[in-house]
C-alpha atoms as a PDB file:
ATOM      1  CA  MET A   1      50.984  20.614  -0.104  1.00  0.00           C
ATOM      2  CA  GLY A   2      47.748  22.451   0.832  1.00  0.00           C
ATOM      3  CA  GLU A   3      46.461  22.104  -2.630  1.00  0.00           C
ATOM      4  CA  VAL A   4      46.968  18.478  -3.040  1.00  0.00           C
ATOM      5  CA  GLY A   5      45.259  17.899   0.469  1.00  0.00           C
ATOM      6  CA  GLU A   6      42.197  19.847  -0.270  1.00  0.00           C
ATOM      7  CA  PRO A   7      40.719  17.680  -3.074  1.00  0.00           C
ATOM      8  CA  HIS A   8      41.404  14.698  -0.859  1.00  0.00           C
ATOM      9  CA  LEU A   9      39.734  16.461   2.071  1.00  0.00           C
ATOM     10  CA  ALA A  10      36.722  17.309   0.005  1.00  0.00           C
ATOM     11  CA  LEU A  11      36.420  13.560  -1.071  1.00  0.00           C
ATOM     12  CA  ASN A  12      36.620  12.541   2.574  1.00  0.00           C
ATOM     13  CA  SER A  13      33.805  14.946   3.638  1.00  0.00           C
ATOM     14  CA  MET A  14      31.701  13.687   0.570  1.00  0.00           C
ATOM     15  CA  THR A  15      32.204  10.210   1.574  1.00  0.00           C
ATOM     16  CA  GLY A  16      31.246  10.777   5.147  1.00  0.00           C
ATOM     17  CA  VAL A  17      28.041  12.734   3.852  1.00  0.00           C
ATOM     18  CA  ASN A  18      27.393   9.505   1.695  1.00  0.00           C
ATOM     19  CA  VAL A  19      27.991   7.220   4.659  1.00  0.00           C
ATOM     20  CA  LYS A  20      25.587   9.326   6.905  1.00  0.00           C
ATOM     21  CA  MET A  21      22.868   9.424   4.175  1.00  0.00           C
ATOM     22  CA  LYS A  22      23.133   5.636   4.049  1.00  0.00           C
ATOM     23  CA  ILE A  23      22.834   5.055   7.605  1.00  0.00           C
ATOM     24  CA  ALA A  24      19.770   7.598   7.863  1.00  0.00           C
ATOM     25  CA  LYS A  25      18.172   5.862   4.927  1.00  0.00           C
ATOM     26  CA  LYS A  26      18.539   2.500   6.567  1.00  0.00           C
ATOM     27  CA  ILE A  27      17.197   3.789   9.926  1.00  0.00           C
ATOM     28  CA  LEU A  28      14.277   5.367   8.235  1.00  0.00           C
ATOM     29  CA  LYS A  29      13.553   2.120   6.251  1.00  0.00           C
ATOM     30  CA  THR A  30      13.742   0.004   9.552  1.00  0.00           C
ATOM     31  CA  VAL A  31      11.235   2.377  11.443  1.00  0.00           C
ATOM     32  CA  VAL A  32       8.765   2.102   8.247  1.00  0.00           C
ATOM     33  CA  ASP A  33       9.376  -1.742   8.277  1.00  0.00           C
ATOM     34  CA  ILE A  34       8.707  -1.717  11.864  1.00  0.00           C
ATOM     35  CA  VAL A  35       5.217   0.184  11.578  1.00  0.00           C
ATOM     36  CA  GLU A  36       3.986  -1.443   8.364  1.00  0.00           C
ATOM     37  CA  GLN A  37       5.328  -4.946   8.808  1.00  0.00           C
ATOM     38  CA  HIS A  38       5.676  -5.819  12.498  1.00  0.00           C
ATOM     39  CA  LEU A  39       2.952  -3.313  14.007  1.00  0.00           C
ATOM     40  CA  SER A  40       0.334  -4.461  11.437  1.00  0.00           C
ATOM     41  CA  SER A  41       1.191  -8.010  12.204  1.00  0.00           C
ATOM     42  CA  ILE A  42       0.690  -7.562  16.084  1.00  0.00           C
ATOM     43  CA  PHE A  43      -2.836  -5.966  15.244  1.00  0.00           C
ATOM     44  CA  LEU A  44      -3.801  -8.746  12.952  1.00  0.00           C
ATOM     45  CA  PHE A  45      -2.863 -11.237  15.351  1.00  0.00           C
ATOM     46  CA  SER A  46      -4.779  -9.204  18.008  1.00  0.00           C
ATOM     47  CA  VAL A  47      -7.798  -9.427  15.610  1.00  0.00           C
ATOM     48  CA  PHE A  48      -7.446 -13.214  15.253  1.00  0.00           C
ATOM     49  CA  ILE A  49      -6.943 -14.058  18.998  1.00  0.00           C
ATOM     50  CA  SER A  50      -9.700 -11.669  20.162  1.00  0.00           C
ATOM     51  CA  MET A  51     -12.195 -12.869  17.546  1.00  0.00           C
ATOM     52  CA  PHE A  52     -11.380 -16.515  18.567  1.00  0.00           C
ATOM     53  CA  PHE A  53     -11.953 -15.893  22.269  1.00  0.00           C
ATOM     54  CA  GLN A  54     -15.018 -13.877  21.342  1.00  0.00           C
ATOM     55  CA  VAL A  55     -16.489 -16.600  19.540  1.00  0.00           C
ATOM     56  CA  TRP A  56     -15.286 -19.155  22.329  1.00  0.00           C
ATOM     57  CA  LEU A  57     -16.931 -17.062  25.136  1.00  0.00           C
ATOM     58  CA  ARG A  58     -20.040 -16.262  23.460  1.00  0.00           C
ATOM     59  CA  TYR A  59     -21.004 -19.731  21.943  1.00  0.00           C
ATOM     60  CA  ILE A  60     -19.475 -22.087  24.305  1.00  0.00           C
ATOM     61  CA  PHE A  61     -19.611 -20.240  27.701  1.00  0.00           C
ATOM     62  CA  LYS A  62     -22.576 -17.972  26.685  1.00  0.00           C
ATOM     63  CA  MET A  63     -20.746 -15.002  28.053  1.00  0.00           C
ATOM     64  CA  PRO A  64     -20.118 -12.283  25.463  1.00  0.00           C
ATOM     65  CA  SER A  65     -17.159 -10.083  26.041  1.00  0.00           C
ATOM     66  CA  PRO A  66     -17.563  -6.649  25.078  1.00  0.00           C
ATOM     67  CA  GLU A  67     -13.847  -5.805  25.789  1.00  0.00           C
ATOM     68  CA  LEU A  68     -12.833  -8.357  23.159  1.00  0.00           C
ATOM     69  CA  TYR A  69     -15.237  -6.807  20.653  1.00  0.00           C
ATOM     70  CA  GLU A  70     -13.673  -3.361  21.235  1.00  0.00           C
ATOM     71  CA  ILE A  71     -10.121  -4.912  20.804  1.00  0.00           C
ATOM     72  CA  THR A  72     -11.330  -6.553  17.521  1.00  0.00           C
ATOM     73  CA  LEU A  73     -12.773  -3.435  16.200  1.00  0.00           C
ATOM     74  CA  TYR A  74      -9.879  -1.159  16.690  1.00  0.00           C
ATOM     75  CA  SER A  75      -7.292  -3.526  15.925  1.00  0.00           C
ATOM     76  CA  PHE A  76      -9.057  -4.167  12.632  1.00  0.00           C
ATOM     77  CA  ALA A  77      -8.940  -0.374  11.805  1.00  0.00           C
ATOM     78  CA  TRP A  78      -5.191  -0.198  12.352  1.00  0.00           C
ATOM     79  CA  VAL A  79      -4.681  -3.398  10.461  1.00  0.00           C
ATOM     80  CA  VAL A  80      -6.737  -1.876   7.271  1.00  0.00           C
ATOM     81  CA  LEU A  81      -4.784   1.290   7.301  1.00  0.00           C
ATOM     82  CA  LEU A  82      -1.389  -0.042   7.942  1.00  0.00           C
ATOM     83  CA  GLY A  83      -2.009  -2.566   5.576  1.00  0.00           C
ATOM     84  CA  ALA A  84      -3.236  -0.161   2.901  1.00  0.00           C
ATOM     85  CA  ALA A  85       0.143   1.827   3.408  1.00  0.00           C
ATOM     86  CA  TYR A  86       2.348  -1.452   2.861  1.00  0.00           C
ATOM     87  CA  ALA A  87       0.384  -2.439  -0.286  1.00  0.00           C
ATOM     88  CA  HIS A  88       0.887   1.203  -1.491  1.00  0.00           C
ATOM     89  CA  ARG A  89       4.535   1.021  -0.626  1.00  0.00           C
ATOM     90  CA  TYR A  90       4.863  -1.711  -3.282  1.00  0.00           C
ATOM     91  CA  ARG A  91       2.193  -0.357  -5.644  1.00  0.00           C
ATOM     92  CA  ASP A  92       0.036  -3.593  -5.174  1.00  0.00           C
ATOM     93  CA  HIS A  93      -3.184  -1.742  -4.545  1.00  0.00           C
ATOM     94  CA  ILE A  94      -6.043  -2.134  -6.849  1.00  0.00           C
ATOM     95  CA  ARG A  95      -5.638  -0.076 -10.037  1.00  0.00           C
ATOM     96  CA  PHE A  96      -8.248   0.352 -12.868  1.00  0.00           C
ATOM     97  CA  ASN A  97      -5.499   0.275 -15.558  1.00  0.00           C
ATOM     98  CA  ILE A  98      -6.973  -1.013 -18.618  1.00  0.00           C
ATOM     99  CA  ILE A  99      -6.228   1.997 -20.765  1.00  0.00           C
ATOM    100  CA  TYR A 100      -3.083   2.803 -18.635  1.00  0.00           C
ATOM    101  CA  GLU A 101      -1.361  -0.446 -19.706  1.00  0.00           C
ATOM    102  CA  LYS A 102      -1.743   0.409 -23.309  1.00  0.00           C
ATOM    103  CA  LEU A 103      -0.086   3.692 -23.173  1.00  0.00           C
ATOM    104  CA  PRO A 104       3.552   4.187 -23.803  1.00  0.00           C
ATOM    105  CA  ARG A 105       5.963   4.283 -20.847  1.00  0.00           C
ATOM    106  CA  LYS A 106       6.371   8.206 -20.797  1.00  0.00           C
ATOM    107  CA  ALA A 107       2.895   8.592 -20.866  1.00  0.00           C
ATOM    108  CA  GLN A 108       2.307   6.115 -18.034  1.00  0.00           C
ATOM    109  CA  LEU A 109       5.093   8.086 -16.077  1.00  0.00           C
ATOM    110  CA  VAL A 110       3.389  11.483 -16.598  1.00  0.00           C
ATOM    111  CA  ILE A 111       0.175  10.040 -15.247  1.00  0.00           C
ATOM    112  CA  ASP A 112       1.889   8.503 -12.268  1.00  0.00           C
ATOM    113  CA  ILE A 113       3.654  11.762 -11.742  1.00  0.00           C
ATOM    114  CA  VAL A 114       0.448  13.754 -11.856  1.00  0.00           C
ATOM    115  CA  PHE A 115      -1.630  11.542  -9.393  1.00  0.00           C
ATOM    116  CA  ASP A 116       1.047  11.038  -6.963  1.00  0.00           C
ATOM    117  CA  THR A 117       1.632  14.796  -6.784  1.00  0.00           C
ATOM    118  CA  LEU A 118      -1.912  15.377  -6.362  1.00  0.00           C
ATOM    119  CA  LEU A 119      -2.297  12.694  -3.766  1.00  0.00           C
ATOM    120  CA  THR A 120       0.821  13.940  -1.868  1.00  0.00           C
ATOM    121  CA  ILE A 121      -0.479  17.655  -2.014  1.00  0.00           C
ATOM    122  CA  LEU A 122      -4.009  16.563  -0.634  1.00  0.00           C
ATOM    123  CA  PHE A 123      -2.536  14.482   1.941  1.00  0.00           C
ATOM    124  CA  THR A 124       0.032  16.940   3.176  1.00  0.00           C
ATOM    125  CA  ILE A 125      -2.948  19.670   3.489  1.00  0.00           C
ATOM    126  CA  SER A 126      -5.087  17.148   5.321  1.00  0.00           C
ATOM    127  CA  LEU A 127      -2.462  16.200   7.686  1.00  0.00           C
ATOM    128  CA  ARG A 128      -2.583  19.124  10.144  1.00  0.00           C
ATOM    129  CA  PRO A 129      -6.449  18.943  10.631  1.00  0.00           C
ATOM    130  CA  VAL A 130      -6.239  15.226  10.813  1.00  0.00           C
ATOM    131  CA  PHE A 131      -3.432  15.305  13.573  1.00  0.00           C
ATOM    132  CA  ARG A 132      -5.473  18.200  15.358  1.00  0.00           C
ATOM    133  CA  GLN A 133      -8.618  16.121  15.373  1.00  0.00           C
ATOM    134  CA  ALA A 134      -6.982  12.796  16.610  1.00  0.00           C
ATOM    135  CA  PHE A 135      -5.238  14.776  19.435  1.00  0.00           C
ATOM    136  CA  TRP A 136      -8.817  16.387  20.393  1.00  0.00           C
ATOM    137  CA  TYR A 137     -10.032  12.915  20.673  1.00  0.00           C
ATOM    138  CA  HIS A 138      -8.144  12.553  23.916  1.00  0.00           C
ATOM    139  CA  MET A 139     -11.092  13.738  25.834  1.00  0.00           C
ATOM    140  CA  ILE A 140     -13.285  10.859  24.524  1.00  0.00           C
ATOM    141  CA  ARG A 141     -12.640   7.347  25.836  1.00  0.00           C
ATOM    142  CA  SER A 142     -13.811   4.081  24.436  1.00  0.00           C
ATOM    143  CA  GLU A 143     -17.026   2.643  25.750  1.00  0.00           C
ATOM    144  CA  VAL A 144     -15.768  -0.421  27.596  1.00  0.00           C
ATOM    145  CA  LEU A 145     -11.869  -0.365  27.769  1.00  0.00           C
ATOM    146  CA  ARG A 146     -11.815   3.441  28.270  1.00  0.00           C
ATOM    147  CA  ILE A 147      -8.972   3.759  26.037  1.00  0.00           C
ATOM    148  CA  PRO A 148      -8.531   7.539  24.717  1.00  0.00           C
ATOM    149  CA  TRP A 149      -9.951   7.705  21.317  1.00  0.00           C
ATOM    150  CA  THR A 150      -6.586   9.441  20.269  1.00  0.00           C
ATOM    151  CA  TYR A 151      -4.889   5.932  20.226  1.00  0.00           C
ATOM    152  CA  LEU A 152      -7.566   4.388  18.477  1.00  0.00           C
ATOM    153  CA  VAL A 153      -7.744   6.983  15.374  1.00  0.00           C
ATOM    154  CA  LEU A 154      -4.093   7.816  15.463  1.00  0.00           C
ATOM    155  CA  CYS A 155      -3.739   5.157  12.652  1.00  0.00           C
ATOM    156  CA  LEU A 156      -5.098   7.632  10.107  1.00  0.00           C
ATOM    157  CA  PRO A 157      -2.466  10.186  10.454  1.00  0.00           C
ATOM    158  CA  ILE A 158       0.161   7.368  10.520  1.00  0.00           C
ATOM    159  CA  PHE A 159      -1.283   6.164   7.293  1.00  0.00           C
ATOM    160  CA  ILE A 160      -1.154   9.370   5.752  1.00  0.00           C
ATOM    161  CA  ILE A 161       2.577   9.972   6.633  1.00  0.00           C
ATOM    162  CA  LEU A 162       3.509   6.607   5.243  1.00  0.00           C
ATOM    163  CA  VAL A 163       1.673   7.269   2.039  1.00  0.00           C
ATOM    164  CA  ILE A 164       3.276  10.767   1.603  1.00  0.00           C
ATOM    165  CA  GLY A 165       6.698   9.245   2.250  1.00  0.00           C
ATOM    166  CA  HIS A 166       6.071   6.453  -0.300  1.00  0.00           C
ATOM    167  CA  ASN A 167       4.628   8.863  -2.869  1.00  0.00           C
ATOM    168  CA  VAL A 168       7.969  11.122  -2.549  1.00  0.00           C
ATOM    169  CA  VAL A 169      10.045   7.959  -3.259  1.00  0.00           C
ATOM    170  CA  PHE A 170       7.705   7.109  -6.124  1.00  0.00           C
ATOM    171  CA  LEU A 171       7.893  10.751  -7.555  1.00  0.00           C
ATOM    172  CA  TYR A 172      11.773  10.732  -7.370  1.00  0.00           C
ATOM    173  CA  TYR A 173      11.992   7.372  -9.312  1.00  0.00           C
ATOM    174  CA  GLU A 174       9.376   8.705 -11.763  1.00  0.00           C
ATOM    175  CA  ILE A 175      10.906  11.905 -12.496  1.00  0.00           C
ATOM    176  CA  ARG A 176      14.281  10.205 -12.969  1.00  0.00           C
ATOM    177  CA  GLU A 177      12.935   7.584 -15.227  1.00  0.00           C
ATOM    178  CA  LEU A 178      11.086  10.341 -17.272  1.00  0.00           C
ATOM    179  CA  PHE A 179      14.267  12.468 -17.849  1.00  0.00           C
ATOM    180  CA  THR A 180      17.005   9.683 -17.931  1.00  0.00           C
ATOM    181  CA  GLY A 181      15.287   6.569 -19.069  1.00  0.00           C
ATOM    182  CA  GLU A 182      16.682   4.714 -16.202  1.00  0.00           C
ATOM    183  CA  PRO A 183      13.968   2.292 -14.984  1.00  0.00           C
ATOM    184  CA  MET A 184      12.417   2.604 -11.439  1.00  0.00           C
ATOM    185  CA  ASN A 185      14.319   0.611  -8.791  1.00  0.00           C
ATOM    186  CA  LEU A 186      11.873  -0.154  -6.265  1.00  0.00           C
ATOM    187  CA  GLU A 187      11.961  -2.875  -3.585  1.00  0.00           C
ATOM    188  CA  GLU A 188      10.936  -6.387  -4.391  1.00  0.00           C
ATOM    189  CA  LYS A 189       7.552  -7.386  -3.199  1.00  0.00           C
ATOM    190  CA  PRO A 190       8.324  -9.827  -0.259  1.00  0.00           C
ATOM    191  CA  TRP A 191       5.181 -11.844  -0.879  1.00  0.00           C
ATOM    192  CA  LEU A 192       6.413 -13.100  -4.434  1.00  0.00           C
END
Protein backbone atom coordinates (compact mmCIF):
# COMPACT_ATOMS: atom_id res chain seq x y z
CA MET A 1 0.00 0.00 0.00
CA GLY A 2 2.94 2.34 0.66
CA GLU A 3 4.17 1.99 -2.92
CA VAL A 4 0.81 2.85 -4.46
CA GLY A 5 0.38 5.93 -2.24
CA GLU A 6 3.81 7.40 -2.94
CA PRO A 7 3.25 8.38 -6.61
CA HIS A 8 -0.11 9.80 -5.65
CA LEU A 9 1.55 11.81 -2.88
CA ALA A 10 4.20 13.06 -5.33
CA LEU A 11 1.48 14.09 -7.79
CA ASN A 12 -0.35 16.02 -5.07
CA SER A 13 2.82 17.80 -3.98
CA MET A 14 3.58 18.77 -7.60
CA THR A 15 0.03 20.03 -8.05
CA GLY A 16 0.46 22.08 -4.87
CA VAL A 17 3.68 23.57 -6.22
CA ASN A 18 1.98 24.41 -9.53
CA VAL A 19 -0.91 26.06 -7.70
CA LYS A 20 1.52 28.10 -5.57
CA MET A 21 3.45 29.13 -8.68
CA LYS A 22 0.24 30.22 -10.40
CA ILE A 23 -0.79 32.24 -7.35
CA ALA A 24 2.66 33.86 -7.09
CA LYS A 25 2.57 34.66 -10.83
CA LYS A 26 -0.86 36.22 -10.51
CA ILE A 27 0.20 38.33 -7.50
CA LEU A 28 3.34 39.51 -9.31
CA LYS A 29 1.34 40.40 -12.44
CA THR A 30 -1.15 42.34 -10.29
CA VAL A 31 1.65 44.32 -8.62
CA VAL A 32 3.27 45.10 -11.99
CA ASP A 33 -0.13 46.14 -13.39
CA ILE A 34 -0.73 48.44 -10.43
CA VAL A 35 2.65 50.12 -10.89
CA GLU A 36 2.68 50.34 -14.68
CA GLN A 37 -0.97 51.05 -15.39
CA HIS A 38 -2.61 52.55 -12.34
CA LEU A 39 0.28 54.46 -10.81
CA SER A 40 1.26 55.93 -14.17
CA SER A 41 -2.40 56.85 -14.77
CA ILE A 42 -2.48 58.68 -11.46
CA PHE A 43 0.67 60.60 -12.37
CA LEU A 44 -0.69 61.39 -15.84
CA PHE A 45 -3.90 62.70 -14.29
CA SER A 46 -1.77 64.73 -11.89
CA VAL A 47 0.14 66.24 -14.82
CA PHE A 48 -3.10 67.14 -16.59
CA ILE A 49 -4.81 68.66 -13.55
CA SER A 50 -1.75 70.58 -12.34
CA MET A 51 -1.10 71.98 -15.83
CA PHE A 52 -4.74 72.96 -16.19
CA PHE A 53 -4.77 74.85 -12.89
CA GLN A 54 -1.33 76.29 -13.57
CA VAL A 55 -2.56 77.84 -16.83
CA TRP A 56 -5.79 78.93 -15.15
CA LEU A 57 -3.98 80.64 -12.28
CA ARG A 58 -1.27 82.21 -14.43
CA TYR A 59 -3.37 83.64 -17.27
CA ILE A 60 -6.70 84.32 -15.64
CA PHE A 61 -5.79 85.27 -12.08
CA LYS A 62 -2.22 86.46 -12.86
CA MET A 63 -0.92 84.35 -9.95
CA PRO A 64 1.59 81.73 -11.13
CA SER A 65 1.95 78.70 -8.87
CA PRO A 66 5.43 77.22 -8.40
CA GLU A 67 3.88 74.34 -6.43
CA LEU A 68 1.83 73.26 -9.44
CA TYR A 69 4.90 73.60 -11.66
CA GLU A 70 6.83 71.19 -9.42
CA ILE A 71 3.94 68.74 -9.35
CA THR A 72 3.79 68.84 -13.15
CA LEU A 73 7.53 68.41 -13.55
CA TYR A 74 7.96 65.47 -11.19
CA SER A 75 4.75 63.74 -12.24
CA PHE A 76 5.84 63.98 -15.86
CA ALA A 77 9.15 62.23 -15.05
CA TRP A 78 7.23 59.39 -13.38
CA VAL A 79 4.80 59.11 -16.30
CA VAL A 80 7.61 58.95 -18.86
CA LEU A 81 9.59 56.22 -17.09
CA LEU A 82 6.60 54.11 -16.04
CA GLY A 83 5.15 54.51 -19.54
CA ALA A 84 8.44 53.43 -21.09
CA ALA A 85 8.46 50.29 -18.93
CA TYR A 86 4.84 49.61 -19.90
CA ALA A 87 5.64 50.00 -23.60
CA HIS A 88 8.65 47.71 -23.17
CA ARG A 89 6.37 45.10 -21.58
CA TYR A 90 4.45 44.79 -24.85
CA ARG A 91 7.48 45.38 -27.07
CA ASP A 92 5.76 48.47 -28.39
CA HIS A 93 8.70 50.82 -28.06
CA ILE A 94 10.42 52.44 -31.03
CA ARG A 95 12.56 50.00 -33.00
CA PHE A 96 14.67 50.50 -36.07
CA ASN A 97 13.87 47.20 -37.67
CA ILE A 98 14.20 47.62 -41.44
CA ILE A 99 16.89 44.95 -41.70
CA TYR A 100 15.66 42.97 -38.67
CA GLU A 101 12.28 42.19 -40.25
CA LYS A 102 13.95 40.82 -43.41
CA LEU A 103 15.92 38.22 -41.41
CA PRO A 104 14.68 34.67 -40.77
CA ARG A 105 12.89 34.13 -37.44
CA LYS A 106 15.81 32.22 -35.87
CA ALA A 107 18.20 35.12 -36.63
CA GLN A 108 15.67 37.55 -35.13
CA LEU A 109 15.50 35.41 -32.00
CA VAL A 110 19.29 35.34 -31.67
CA ILE A 111 19.43 39.14 -32.03
CA ASP A 112 16.63 39.55 -29.48
CA ILE A 113 18.35 37.18 -27.04
CA VAL A 114 21.69 39.00 -27.36
CA PHE A 115 20.21 42.47 -26.90
CA ASP A 116 17.83 41.46 -24.11
CA THR A 117 20.69 39.73 -22.30
CA LEU A 118 22.99 42.76 -22.68
CA LEU A 119 20.30 45.18 -21.50
CA THR A 120 19.45 42.95 -18.54
CA ILE A 121 23.12 42.66 -17.53
CA LEU A 122 23.72 46.41 -17.86
CA PHE A 123 20.58 47.32 -15.94
CA THR A 124 21.37 44.75 -13.24
CA ILE A 125 24.88 46.18 -12.84
CA SER A 126 23.52 49.73 -12.67
CA LEU A 127 20.71 48.94 -10.25
CA ARG A 128 22.77 49.07 -7.04
CA PRO A 129 24.45 52.44 -7.76
CA VAL A 130 21.14 53.89 -8.93
CA PHE A 131 19.39 52.80 -5.72
CA ARG A 132 22.29 54.11 -3.64
CA GLN A 133 22.13 57.46 -5.41
CA ALA A 134 18.34 57.63 -5.12
CA PHE A 135 18.47 57.05 -1.36
CA TRP A 136 21.35 59.50 -0.98
CA TYR A 137 18.99 62.17 -2.31
CA HIS A 138 16.91 62.05 0.89
CA MET A 139 19.03 64.95 2.15
CA ILE A 140 17.98 67.20 -0.74
CA ARG A 141 14.44 68.54 -0.89
CA SER A 142 12.50 70.01 -3.78
CA GLU A 143 12.58 73.79 -3.94
CA VAL A 144 8.93 74.61 -3.24
CA LEU A 145 7.12 71.54 -1.92
CA ARG A 146 10.12 70.37 0.13
CA ILE A 147 9.62 66.74 -0.93
CA PRO A 148 12.77 64.64 -0.46
CA TRP A 149 14.31 63.97 -3.86
CA THR A 150 14.41 60.25 -3.07
CA TYR A 151 10.68 60.11 -3.82
CA LEU A 152 11.14 62.15 -6.94
CA VAL A 153 13.94 60.06 -8.50
CA LEU A 154 12.75 56.65 -7.30
CA CYS A 155 11.04 56.27 -10.68
CA LEU A 156 14.40 55.41 -12.28
CA PRO A 157 15.18 52.30 -10.17
CA ILE A 158 11.55 51.21 -10.47
CA PHE A 159 11.83 51.56 -14.26
CA ILE A 160 15.04 49.51 -14.25
CA ILE A 161 13.46 46.74 -12.15
CA LEU A 162 10.43 46.58 -14.44
CA VAL A 163 12.57 46.38 -17.59
CA ILE A 164 14.75 43.66 -16.05
CA GLY A 165 11.62 41.69 -15.15
CA HIS A 166 10.15 42.05 -18.62
CA ASN A 167 13.47 41.08 -20.22
CA VAL A 168 13.70 37.92 -18.11
CA VAL A 169 10.24 36.92 -19.38
CA PHE A 170 11.25 37.76 -22.97
CA LEU A 171 14.45 35.74 -22.65
CA TYR A 172 12.53 32.72 -21.39
CA TYR A 173 10.11 32.82 -24.33
CA GLU A 174 12.84 33.63 -26.90
CA ILE A 175 15.09 30.77 -25.81
CA ARG A 176 12.12 28.40 -25.69
CA GLU A 177 11.08 29.41 -29.20
CA LEU A 178 14.64 29.12 -30.49
CA PHE A 179 15.01 25.52 -29.27
CA THR A 180 11.44 24.18 -29.50
CA GLY A 181 9.95 26.28 -32.28
CA GLU A 182 6.96 27.06 -30.03
CA PRO A 183 6.04 30.71 -30.73
CA MET A 184 6.23 33.32 -28.01
CA ASN A 185 3.06 33.64 -25.97
CA LEU A 186 3.12 37.22 -24.74
CA GLU A 187 0.23 39.25 -23.40
CA GLU A 188 -2.06 40.96 -25.86
CA LYS A 189 -1.67 44.72 -26.06
CA PRO A 190 -4.59 46.25 -24.20
CA TRP A 191 -4.83 49.18 -26.61
CA LEU A 192 -5.50 47.16 -29.75
